[in-house]
């Protein structure tokens, strides 16, 4: 999975990546939610996702390409649980994969 180039959406304002947020695994009230970094297979798919689901905010994002091996560093640095690969940006259909610290 990490052998190809993926495209990510990043805000121009503060540099945060676009993520999918789920409920935390813990029952602790102060535990941050689980976040999965959203990945796109093509630059145009990332733009299509923005134009379909956040047209009013599209000018606040840029598309960034990342080689697969670099993604592991991004996941560790930002503390993401894993990745969500967007298969269809219009519906959207997303495949989620948890990444372990091995």
PDB file of N, CA and C in Angstrom:
ATOM      1  N   UNK A   1       0.802  -1.190   0.000  1.00  0.00           N
ATOM      2  CA  UNK A   1       0.000   0.000   0.000  1.00  0.00           C
ATOM      3  C   UNK A   1       0.852   1.265   0.000  1.00  0.00           C
ATOM      4  N   UNK A   2       1.958   1.222   0.702  1.00  0.00           N
ATOM      5  CA  UNK A   2       2.791   2.410   0.802  1.00  0.00           C
ATOM      6  C   UNK A   2       3.863   2.467  -0.281  1.00  0.00           C
ATOM      7  N   UNK A   3       3.629   1.815  -1.408  1.00  0.00           N
ATOM      8  CA  UNK A   3       4.625   1.823  -2.479  1.00  0.00           C
ATOM      9  C   UNK A   3       4.278   2.797  -3.596  1.00  0.00           C
ATOM     10  N   UNK A   4       3.184   3.534  -3.483  1.00  0.00           N
ATOM     11  CA  UNK A   4       2.808   4.474  -4.539  1.00  0.00           C
ATOM     12  C   UNK A   4       2.697   5.882  -3.976  1.00  0.00           C
ATOM     13  N   UNK A   5       2.428   6.840  -4.843  1.00  0.00           N
ATOM     14  CA  UNK A   5       2.255   8.227  -4.431  1.00  0.00           C
ATOM     15  C   UNK A   5       0.783   8.487  -4.164  1.00  0.00           C
ATOM     16  N   UNK A   6       0.506   9.174  -3.070  1.00  0.00           N
ATOM     17  CA  UNK A   6      -0.856   9.554  -2.702  1.00  0.00           C
ATOM     18  C   UNK A   6      -0.954  11.069  -2.647  1.00  0.00           C
ATOM     19  N   UNK A   7      -2.177  11.549  -2.674  1.00  0.00           N
ATOM     20  CA  UNK A   7      -2.437  12.988  -2.625  1.00  0.00           C
ATOM     21  C   UNK A   7      -3.254  13.285  -1.375  1.00  0.00           C
ATOM     22  N   UNK A   8      -2.858  14.327  -0.657  1.00  0.00           N
ATOM     23  CA  UNK A   8      -3.477  14.711   0.599  1.00  0.00           C
ATOM     24  C   UNK A   8      -3.977  16.144   0.473  1.00  0.00           C
ATOM     25  N   UNK A   9      -4.993  16.470   1.236  1.00  0.00           N
ATOM     26  CA  UNK A   9      -5.494  17.838   1.289  1.00  0.00           C
ATOM     27  C   UNK A   9      -4.988  18.474   2.571  1.00  0.00           C
ATOM     28  N   UNK A  10      -4.420  19.675   2.430  1.00  0.00           N
ATOM     29  CA  UNK A  10      -3.837  20.366   3.577  1.00  0.00           C
ATOM     30  C   UNK A  10      -4.322  21.810   3.591  1.00  0.00           C
ATOM     31  N   UNK A  11      -4.685  22.305   4.765  1.00  0.00           N
ATOM     32  CA  UNK A  11      -5.159  23.681   4.842  1.00  0.00           C
ATOM     33  C   UNK A  11      -3.996  24.648   4.665  1.00  0.00           C
ATOM     34  N   UNK A  12      -4.289  25.711   3.974  1.00  0.00           N
ATOM     35  CA  UNK A  12      -3.264  26.742   3.782  1.00  0.00           C
ATOM     36  C   UNK A  12      -3.112  27.603   5.033  1.00  0.00           C
ATOM     37  N   UNK A  13      -4.143  27.634   5.856  1.00  0.00           N
ATOM     38  CA  UNK A  13      -4.149  28.503   7.015  1.00  0.00           C
ATOM     39  C   UNK A  13      -3.227  28.001   8.127  1.00  0.00           C
ATOM     40  N   UNK A  14      -3.373  26.735   8.525  1.00  0.00           N
ATOM     41  CA  UNK A  14      -2.578  26.236   9.648  1.00  0.00           C
ATOM     42  C   UNK A  14      -1.811  24.953   9.353  1.00  0.00           C
ATOM     43  N   UNK A  15      -1.889  24.447   8.120  1.00  0.00           N
ATOM     44  CA  UNK A  15      -1.106  23.280   7.752  1.00  0.00           C
ATOM     45  C   UNK A  15      -1.673  21.941   8.177  1.00  0.00           C
ATOM     46  N   UNK A  16      -2.884  21.926   8.729  1.00  0.00           N
ATOM     47  CA  UNK A  16      -3.517  20.669   9.137  1.00  0.00           C
ATOM     48  C   UNK A  16      -3.939  19.877   7.905  1.00  0.00           C
ATOM     49  N   UNK A  17      -3.864  18.563   8.012  1.00  0.00           N
ATOM     50  CA  UNK A  17      -4.332  17.680   6.943  1.00  0.00           C
ATOM     51  C   UNK A  17      -5.820  17.396   7.117  1.00  0.00           C
ATOM     52  N   UNK A  18      -6.494  17.084   6.020  1.00  0.00           N
ATOM     53  CA  UNK A  18      -7.893  16.675   6.073  1.00  0.00           C
ATOM     54  C   UNK A  18      -7.939  15.235   6.579  1.00  0.00           C
ATOM     55  N   UNK A  19      -8.708  15.009   7.625  1.00  0.00           N
ATOM     56  CA  UNK A  19      -8.789  13.699   8.260  1.00  0.00           C
ATOM     57  C   UNK A  19     -10.240  13.284   8.439  1.00  0.00           C
ATOM     58  N   UNK A  20     -10.438  11.999   8.619  1.00  0.00           N
ATOM     59  CA  UNK A  20     -11.725  11.456   9.047  1.00  0.00           C
ATOM     60  C   UNK A  20     -11.598  11.218  10.540  1.00  0.00           C
ATOM     61  N   UNK A  21     -12.581  11.668  11.289  1.00  0.00           N
ATOM     62  CA  UNK A  21     -12.537  11.558  12.742  1.00  0.00           C
ATOM     63  C   UNK A  21     -13.593  10.577  13.217  1.00  0.00           C
ATOM     64  N   UNK A  22     -13.168   9.657  14.058  1.00  0.00           N
ATOM     65  CA  UNK A  22     -14.083   8.671  14.636  1.00  0.00           C
ATOM     66  C   UNK A  22     -14.100   8.794  16.132  1.00  0.00           C
ATOM     67  N   UNK A  23     -14.883   7.959  16.753  1.00  0.00           N
ATOM     68  CA  UNK A  23     -14.946   7.956  18.207  1.00  0.00           C
ATOM     69  C   UNK A  23     -13.681   7.336  18.770  1.00  0.00           C
ATOM     70  N   UNK A  24     -13.316   7.797  19.928  1.00  0.00           N
ATOM     71  CA  UNK A  24     -12.139   7.282  20.602  1.00  0.00           C
ATOM     72  C   UNK A  24     -12.383   5.865  21.092  1.00  0.00           C
ATOM     73  N   UNK A  25     -11.324   5.074  21.144  1.00  0.00           N
ATOM     74  CA  UNK A  25     -11.399   3.710  21.662  1.00  0.00           C
ATOM     75  C   UNK A  25     -11.552   3.703  23.184  1.00  0.00           C
ATOM     76  N   UNK A  26     -11.098   4.768  23.822  1.00  0.00           N
ATOM     77  CA  UNK A  26     -11.111   4.840  25.279  1.00  0.00           C
ATOM     78  C   UNK A  26     -12.423   5.451  25.771  1.00  0.00           C
ATOM     79  N   UNK A  27     -12.748   5.138  27.002  1.00  0.00           N
ATOM     80  CA  UNK A  27     -13.943   5.706  27.619  1.00  0.00           C
ATOM     81  C   UNK A  27     -13.604   6.972  28.401  1.00  0.00           C
ATOM     82  N   UNK A  28     -12.353   7.367  28.402  1.00  0.00           N
ATOM     83  CA  UNK A  28     -11.922   8.577  29.103  1.00  0.00           C
ATOM     84  C   UNK A  28     -12.495   9.804  28.390  1.00  0.00           C
ATOM     85  N   UNK A  29     -13.050  10.752  29.128  1.00  0.00           N
ATOM     86  CA  UNK A  29     -13.651  11.927  28.493  1.00  0.00           C
ATOM     87  C   UNK A  29     -12.641  12.864  27.829  1.00  0.00           C
ATOM     88  N   UNK A  30     -11.398  12.867  28.290  1.00  0.00           N
ATOM     89  CA  UNK A  30     -10.396  13.775  27.734  1.00  0.00           C
ATOM     90  C   UNK A  30      -9.571  13.151  26.619  1.00  0.00           C
ATOM     91  N   UNK A  31      -9.902  11.948  26.197  1.00  0.00           N
ATOM     92  CA  UNK A  31      -9.159  11.275  25.143  1.00  0.00           C
ATOM     93  C   UNK A  31      -9.527  11.895  23.796  1.00  0.00           C
ATOM     94  N   UNK A  32      -8.522  12.286  23.008  1.00  0.00           N
ATOM     95  CA  UNK A  32      -8.838  12.880  21.702  1.00  0.00           C
ATOM     96  C   UNK A  32      -9.473  11.843  20.769  1.00  0.00           C
ATOM     97  N   UNK A  33     -10.258  12.283  19.812  1.00  0.00           N
ATOM     98  CA  UNK A  33     -10.895  11.341  18.886  1.00  0.00           C
ATOM     99  C   UNK A  33      -9.862  10.670  17.985  1.00  0.00           C
ATOM    100  N   UNK A  34     -10.214   9.512  17.482  1.00  0.00           N
ATOM    101  CA  UNK A  34      -9.357   8.785  16.558  1.00  0.00           C
ATOM    102  C   UNK A  34      -9.399   9.476  15.201  1.00  0.00           C
ATOM    103  N   UNK A  35      -8.217   9.693  14.612  1.00  0.00           N
ATOM    104  CA  UNK A  35      -8.160  10.373  13.319  1.00  0.00           C
ATOM    105  C   UNK A  35      -7.432   9.513  12.294  1.00  0.00           C
ATOM    106  N   UNK A  36      -8.006   9.484  11.084  1.00  0.00           N
ATOM    107  CA  UNK A  36      -7.419   8.775   9.954  1.00  0.00           C
ATOM    108  C   UNK A  36      -7.118   9.786   8.860  1.00  0.00           C
ATOM    109  N   UNK A  37      -5.900   9.792   8.380  1.00  0.00           N
ATOM    110  CA  UNK A  37      -5.477  10.695   7.319  1.00  0.00           C
ATOM    111  C   UNK A  37      -6.140  10.278   6.008  1.00  0.00           C
ATOM    112  N   UNK A  38      -6.832  11.199   5.347  1.00  0.00           N
ATOM    113  CA  UNK A  38      -7.488  10.877   4.075  1.00  0.00           C
ATOM    114  C   UNK A  38      -6.490  10.963   2.935  1.00  0.00           C
ATOM    115  N   UNK A  39      -6.438   9.904   2.127  1.00  0.00           N
ATOM    116  CA  UNK A  39      -5.534   9.815   0.981  1.00  0.00           C
ATOM    117  C   UNK A  39      -6.347   9.677  -0.302  1.00  0.00           C
ATOM    118  N   UNK A  40      -5.846  10.276  -1.367  1.00  0.00           N
ATOM    119  CA  UNK A  40      -6.472  10.188  -2.678  1.00  0.00           C
ATOM    120  C   UNK A  40      -5.461   9.610  -3.651  1.00  0.00           C
ATOM    121  N   UNK A  41      -5.943   8.836  -4.619  1.00  0.00           N
ATOM    122  CA  UNK A  41      -5.059   8.204  -5.596  1.00  0.00           C
ATOM    123  C   UNK A  41      -4.630   9.144  -6.712  1.00  0.00           C
ATOM    124  N   UNK A  42      -5.337  10.261  -6.867  1.00  0.00           N
ATOM    125  CA  UNK A  42      -5.059  11.171  -7.970  1.00  0.00           C
ATOM    126  C   UNK A  42      -5.297  12.608  -7.513  1.00  0.00           C
ATOM    127  N   UNK A  43      -4.530  13.525  -8.052  1.00  0.00           N
ATOM    128  CA  UNK A  43      -4.669  14.946  -7.742  1.00  0.00           C
ATOM    129  C   UNK A  43      -6.093  15.421  -8.045  1.00  0.00           C
ATOM    130  N   UNK A  44      -6.623  15.018  -9.188  1.00  0.00           N
ATOM    131  CA  UNK A  44      -7.970  15.433  -9.602  1.00  0.00           C
ATOM    132  C   UNK A  44      -9.046  14.882  -8.665  1.00  0.00           C
ATOM    133  N   UNK A  45      -8.842  13.698  -8.106  1.00  0.00           N
ATOM    134  CA  UNK A  45      -9.813  13.138  -7.163  1.00  0.00           C
ATOM    135  C   UNK A  45      -9.873  13.971  -5.884  1.00  0.00           C
ATOM    136  N   UNK A  46      -8.735  14.453  -5.434  1.00  0.00           N
ATOM    137  CA  UNK A  46      -8.707  15.299  -4.241  1.00  0.00           C
ATOM    138  C   UNK A  46      -9.472  16.596  -4.503  1.00  0.00           C
ATOM    139  N   UNK A  47      -9.250  17.203  -5.657  1.00  0.00           N
ATOM    140  CA  UNK A  47      -9.973  18.426  -6.008  1.00  0.00           C
ATOM    141  C   UNK A  47     -11.462  18.164  -6.176  1.00  0.00           C
ATOM    142  N   UNK A  48     -11.810  17.039  -6.764  1.00  0.00           N
ATOM    143  CA  UNK A  48     -13.214  16.670  -6.935  1.00  0.00           C
ATOM    144  C   UNK A  48     -13.903  16.511  -5.587  1.00  0.00           C
ATOM    145  N   UNK A  49     -13.219  15.895  -4.638  1.00  0.00           N
ATOM    146  CA  UNK A  49     -13.758  15.726  -3.289  1.00  0.00           C
ATOM    147  C   UNK A  49     -14.058  17.088  -2.666  1.00  0.00           C
ATOM    148  N   UNK A  50     -13.112  17.991  -2.765  1.00  0.00           N
ATOM    149  CA  UNK A  50     -13.317  19.334  -2.213  1.00  0.00           C
ATOM    150  C   UNK A  50     -14.483  20.047  -2.890  1.00  0.00           C
ATOM    151  N   UNK A  51     -14.508  20.025  -4.204  1.00  0.00           N
ATOM    152  CA  UNK A  51     -15.553  20.734  -4.932  1.00  0.00           C
ATOM    153  C   UNK A  51     -16.937  20.155  -4.669  1.00  0.00           C
ATOM    154  N   UNK A  52     -17.019  18.868  -4.399  1.00  0.00           N
ATOM    155  CA  UNK A  52     -18.302  18.219  -4.139  1.00  0.00           C
ATOM    156  C   UNK A  52     -18.778  18.432  -2.706  1.00  0.00           C
ATOM    157  N   UNK A  53     -17.892  18.307  -1.744  1.00  0.00           N
ATOM    158  CA  UNK A  53     -18.288  18.288  -0.338  1.00  0.00           C
ATOM    159  C   UNK A  53     -17.946  19.544   0.452  1.00  0.00           C
ATOM    160  N   UNK A  54     -17.124  20.416  -0.105  1.00  0.00           N
ATOM    161  CA  UNK A  54     -16.744  21.630   0.622  1.00  0.00           C
ATOM    162  C   UNK A  54     -16.416  22.757  -0.352  1.00  0.00           C
ATOM    163  N   UNK A  55     -17.305  22.992  -1.303  1.00  0.00           N
ATOM    164  CA  UNK A  55     -17.030  23.977  -2.349  1.00  0.00           C
ATOM    165  C   UNK A  55     -16.728  25.360  -1.772  1.00  0.00           C
ATOM    166  N   UNK A  56     -17.389  25.721  -0.703  1.00  0.00           N
ATOM    167  CA  UNK A  56     -17.163  27.024  -0.091  1.00  0.00           C
ATOM    168  C   UNK A  56     -15.812  27.164   0.592  1.00  0.00           C
ATOM    169  N   UNK A  57     -15.154  26.053   0.842  1.00  0.00           N
ATOM    170  CA  UNK A  57     -13.862  26.059   1.520  1.00  0.00           C
ATOM    171  C   UNK A  57     -12.714  25.595   0.626  1.00  0.00           C
ATOM    172  N   UNK A  58     -12.991  25.289  -0.605  1.00  0.00           N
ATOM    173  CA  UNK A  58     -11.983  24.704  -1.497  1.00  0.00           C
ATOM    174  C   UNK A  58     -10.759  25.598  -1.659  1.00  0.00           C
ATOM    175  N   UNK A  59     -10.955  26.909  -1.624  1.00  0.00           N
ATOM    176  CA  UNK A  59      -9.818  27.814  -1.800  1.00  0.00           C
ATOM    177  C   UNK A  59      -8.906  27.849  -0.569  1.00  0.00           C
ATOM    178  N   UNK A  60      -9.302  27.216   0.511  1.00  0.00           N
ATOM    179  CA  UNK A  60      -8.499  27.180   1.736  1.00  0.00           C
ATOM    180  C   UNK A  60      -7.586  25.963   1.820  1.00  0.00           C
ATOM    181  N   UNK A  61      -7.679  25.075   0.825  1.00  0.00           N
ATOM    182  CA  UNK A  61      -6.886  23.846   0.822  1.00  0.00           C
ATOM    183  C   UNK A  61      -5.944  23.802  -0.370  1.00  0.00           C
ATOM    184  N   UNK A  62      -4.879  23.078  -0.203  1.00  0.00           N
ATOM    185  CA  UNK A  62      -3.988  22.762  -1.311  1.00  0.00           C
ATOM    186  C   UNK A  62      -3.811  21.247  -1.354  1.00  0.00           C
ATOM    187  N   UNK A  63      -3.467  20.750  -2.518  1.00  0.00           N
ATOM    188  CA  UNK A  63      -3.232  19.318  -2.691  1.00  0.00           C
ATOM    189  C   UNK A  63      -1.732  19.080  -2.606  1.00  0.00           C
ATOM    190  N   UNK A  64      -1.349  18.118  -1.789  1.00  0.00           N
ATOM    191  CA  UNK A  64       0.061  17.797  -1.568  1.00  0.00           C
ATOM    192  C   UNK A  64       0.297  16.342  -1.922  1.00  0.00           C
ATOM    193  N   UNK A  65       1.350  16.073  -2.660  1.00  0.00           N
ATOM    194  CA  UNK A  65       1.667  14.678  -2.980  1.00  0.00           C
ATOM    195  C   UNK A  65       2.675  14.150  -1.964  1.00  0.00           C
ATOM    196  N   UNK A  66       2.502  12.873  -1.625  1.00  0.00           N
ATOM    197  CA  UNK A  66       3.405  12.202  -0.688  1.00  0.00           C
ATOM    198  C   UNK A  66       3.710  10.804  -1.212  1.00  0.00           C
ATOM    199  N   UNK A  67       4.970  10.458  -1.235  1.00  0.00           N
ATOM    200  CA  UNK A  67       5.346   9.088  -1.567  1.00  0.00           C
ATOM    201  C   UNK A  67       4.987   8.200  -0.381  1.00  0.00           C
ATOM    202  N   UNK A  68       4.642   6.971  -0.665  1.00  0.00           N
ATOM    203  CA  UNK A  68       4.217   6.037   0.365  1.00  0.00           C
ATOM    204  C   UNK A  68       5.115   5.967   1.582  1.00  0.00           C
ATOM    205  N   UNK A  69       6.425   5.805   1.412  1.00  0.00           N
ATOM    206  CA  UNK A  69       7.295   5.716   2.586  1.00  0.00           C
ATOM    207  C   UNK A  69       7.269   6.974   3.460  1.00  0.00           C
ATOM    208  N   UNK A  70       7.024   8.131   2.886  1.00  0.00           N
ATOM    209  CA  UNK A  70       6.950   9.362   3.661  1.00  0.00           C
ATOM    210  C   UNK A  70       5.686   9.430   4.515  1.00  0.00           C
ATOM    211  N   UNK A  71       4.643   8.717   4.094  1.00  0.00           N
ATOM    212  CA  UNK A  71       3.383   8.746   4.828  1.00  0.00           C
ATOM    213  C   UNK A  71       3.529   8.222   6.248  1.00  0.00           C
ATOM    214  N   UNK A  72       4.361   7.229   6.424  1.00  0.00           N
ATOM    215  CA  UNK A  72       4.563   6.690   7.780  1.00  0.00           C
ATOM    216  C   UNK A  72       5.089   7.765   8.721  1.00  0.00           C
ATOM    217  N   UNK A  73       5.983   8.620   8.223  1.00  0.00           N
ATOM    218  CA  UNK A  73       6.497   9.717   9.044  1.00  0.00           C
ATOM    219  C   UNK A  73       5.400  10.723   9.371  1.00  0.00           C
ATOM    220  N   UNK A  74       4.540  11.022   8.404  1.00  0.00           N
ATOM    221  CA  UNK A  74       3.427  11.950   8.630  1.00  0.00           C
ATOM    222  C   UNK A  74       2.477  11.369   9.680  1.00  0.00           C
ATOM    223  N   UNK A  75       2.171  10.082   9.568  1.00  0.00           N
ATOM    224  CA  UNK A  75       1.272   9.439  10.529  1.00  0.00           C
ATOM    225  C   UNK A  75       1.827   9.513  11.949  1.00  0.00           C
ATOM    226  N   UNK A  76       3.117   9.242  12.091  1.00  0.00           N
ATOM    227  CA  UNK A  76       3.738   9.279  13.417  1.00  0.00           C
ATOM    228  C   UNK A  76       3.791  10.703  13.960  1.00  0.00           C
ATOM    229  N   UNK A  77       4.182  11.650  13.115  1.00  0.00           N
ATOM    230  CA  UNK A  77       4.344  13.033  13.563  1.00  0.00           C
ATOM    231  C   UNK A  77       3.029  13.636  14.049  1.00  0.00           C
ATOM    232  N   UNK A  78       1.938  13.349  13.332  1.00  0.00           N
ATOM    233  CA  UNK A  78       0.647  13.948  13.676  1.00  0.00           C
ATOM    234  C   UNK A  78      -0.197  13.048  14.582  1.00  0.00           C
ATOM    235  N   UNK A  79       0.244  11.828  14.833  1.00  0.00           N
ATOM    236  CA  UNK A  79      -0.460  10.942  15.752  1.00  0.00           C
ATOM    237  C   UNK A  79      -1.738  10.341  15.204  1.00  0.00           C
ATOM    238  N   UNK A  80      -1.781  10.108  13.896  1.00  0.00           N
ATOM    239  CA  UNK A  80      -2.972   9.517  13.286  1.00  0.00           C
ATOM    240  C   UNK A  80      -3.014   8.019  13.538  1.00  0.00           C
ATOM    241  N   UNK A  81      -4.221   7.485  13.672  1.00  0.00           N
ATOM    242  CA  UNK A  81      -4.431   6.058  13.914  1.00  0.00           C
ATOM    243  C   UNK A  81      -4.138   5.230  12.661  1.00  0.00           C
ATOM    244  N   UNK A  82      -4.363   5.824  11.487  1.00  0.00           N
ATOM    245  CA  UNK A  82      -4.161   5.131  10.218  1.00  0.00           C
ATOM    246  C   UNK A  82      -4.531   6.035   9.061  1.00  0.00           C
ATOM    247  N   UNK A  83      -4.908   5.405   7.958  1.00  0.00           N
ATOM    248  CA  UNK A  83      -5.255   6.155   6.758  1.00  0.00           C
ATOM    249  C   UNK A  83      -6.634   5.733   6.258  1.00  0.00           C
ATOM    250  N   UNK A  84      -7.246   6.618   5.529  1.00  0.00           N
ATOM    251  CA  UNK A  84      -8.492   6.339   4.828  1.00  0.00           C
ATOM    252  C   UNK A  84      -8.269   6.643   3.364  1.00  0.00           C
ATOM    253  N   UNK A  85      -8.270   5.615   2.522  1.00  0.00           N
ATOM    254  CA  UNK A  85      -8.047   5.802   1.095  1.00  0.00           C
ATOM    255  C   UNK A  85      -9.400   6.037   0.439  1.00  0.00           C
ATOM    256  N   UNK A  86      -9.569   7.207  -0.146  1.00  0.00           N
ATOM    257  CA  UNK A  86     -10.830   7.576  -0.781  1.00  0.00           C
ATOM    258  C   UNK A  86     -10.886   6.911  -2.157  1.00  0.00           C
ATOM    259  N   UNK A  87     -11.846   5.993  -2.317  1.00  0.00           N
ATOM    260  CA  UNK A  87     -12.004   5.267  -3.576  1.00  0.00           C
ATOM    261  C   UNK A  87     -12.919   5.999  -4.550  1.00  0.00           C
ATOM    262  N   UNK A  88     -13.952   6.648  -4.034  1.00  0.00           N
ATOM    263  CA  UNK A  88     -14.879   7.412  -4.867  1.00  0.00           C
ATOM    264  C   UNK A  88     -15.118   8.749  -4.189  1.00  0.00           C
ATOM    265  N   UNK A  89     -14.570   9.845  -4.738  1.00  0.00           N
ATOM    266  CA  UNK A  89     -14.683  11.133  -4.069  1.00  0.00           C
ATOM    267  C   UNK A  89     -16.080  11.743  -4.126  1.00  0.00           C
ATOM    268  N   UNK A  90     -16.947  11.272  -4.994  1.00  0.00           N
ATOM    269  CA  UNK A  90     -18.272  11.863  -5.114  1.00  0.00           C
ATOM    270  C   UNK A  90     -19.255  11.332  -4.084  1.00  0.00           C
ATOM    271  N   UNK A  91     -19.127  10.041  -3.686  1.00  0.00           N
ATOM    272  CA  UNK A  91     -20.126   9.451  -2.776  1.00  0.00           C
ATOM    273  C   UNK A  91     -19.844   9.811  -1.318  1.00  0.00           C
ATOM    274  N   UNK A  92     -18.770   9.827  -0.677  1.00  0.00           N
ATOM    275  CA  UNK A  92     -17.486   9.192  -0.924  1.00  0.00           C
ATOM    276  C   UNK A  92     -17.427   7.773  -0.343  1.00  0.00           C
ATOM    277  N   UNK A  93     -16.615   6.966  -0.967  1.00  0.00           N
ATOM    278  CA  UNK A  93     -16.337   5.621  -0.490  1.00  0.00           C
ATOM    279  C   UNK A  93     -14.898   5.619   0.017  1.00  0.00           C
ATOM    280  N   UNK A  94     -14.708   5.204   1.265  1.00  0.00           N
ATOM    281  CA  UNK A  94     -13.386   5.257   1.892  1.00  0.00           C
ATOM    282  C   UNK A  94     -13.043   3.907   2.501  1.00  0.00           C
ATOM    283  N   UNK A  95     -11.852   3.407   2.227  1.00  0.00           N
ATOM    284  CA  UNK A  95     -11.325   2.203   2.872  1.00  0.00           C
ATOM    285  C   UNK A  95     -10.375   2.633   3.977  1.00  0.00           C
ATOM    286  N   UNK A  96     -10.648   2.207   5.209  1.00  0.00           N
ATOM    287  CA  UNK A  96      -9.822   2.598   6.337  1.00  0.00           C
ATOM    288  C   UNK A  96      -8.843   1.484   6.695  1.00  0.00           C
ATOM    289  N   UNK A  97      -7.608   1.905   7.023  1.00  0.00           N
ATOM    290  CA  UNK A  97      -6.561   0.968   7.409  1.00  0.00           C
ATOM    291  C   UNK A  97      -5.858   1.526   8.648  1.00  0.00           C
ATOM    292  N   UNK A  98      -5.828   0.752   9.703  1.00  0.00           N
ATOM    293  CA  UNK A  98      -5.092   1.145  10.907  1.00  0.00           C
ATOM    294  C   UNK A  98      -3.620   0.800  10.709  1.00  0.00           C
ATOM    295  N   UNK A  99      -2.765   1.638  11.229  1.00  0.00           N
ATOM    296  CA  UNK A  99      -1.326   1.420  11.120  1.00  0.00           C
ATOM    297  C   UNK A  99      -0.793   1.180  12.513  1.00  0.00           C
ATOM    298  N   UNK A 100      -0.019   0.102  12.656  1.00  0.00           N
ATOM    299  CA  UNK A 100       0.547  -0.224  13.952  1.00  0.00           C
ATOM    300  C   UNK A 100       1.977   0.307  14.043  1.00  0.00           C
ATOM    301  N   UNK A 101       2.517   0.371  15.239  1.00  0.00           N
ATOM    302  CA  UNK A 101       3.874   0.884  15.468  1.00  0.00           C
ATOM    303  C   UNK A 101       4.932  -0.197  15.352  1.00  0.00           C
ATOM    304  N   UNK A 102       4.895  -1.016  14.305  1.00  0.00           N
ATOM    305  CA  UNK A 102       5.903  -2.059  14.200  1.00  0.00           C
ATOM    306  C   UNK A 102       7.044  -1.632  13.344  1.00  0.00           C
TER     307      UNK A 102
END
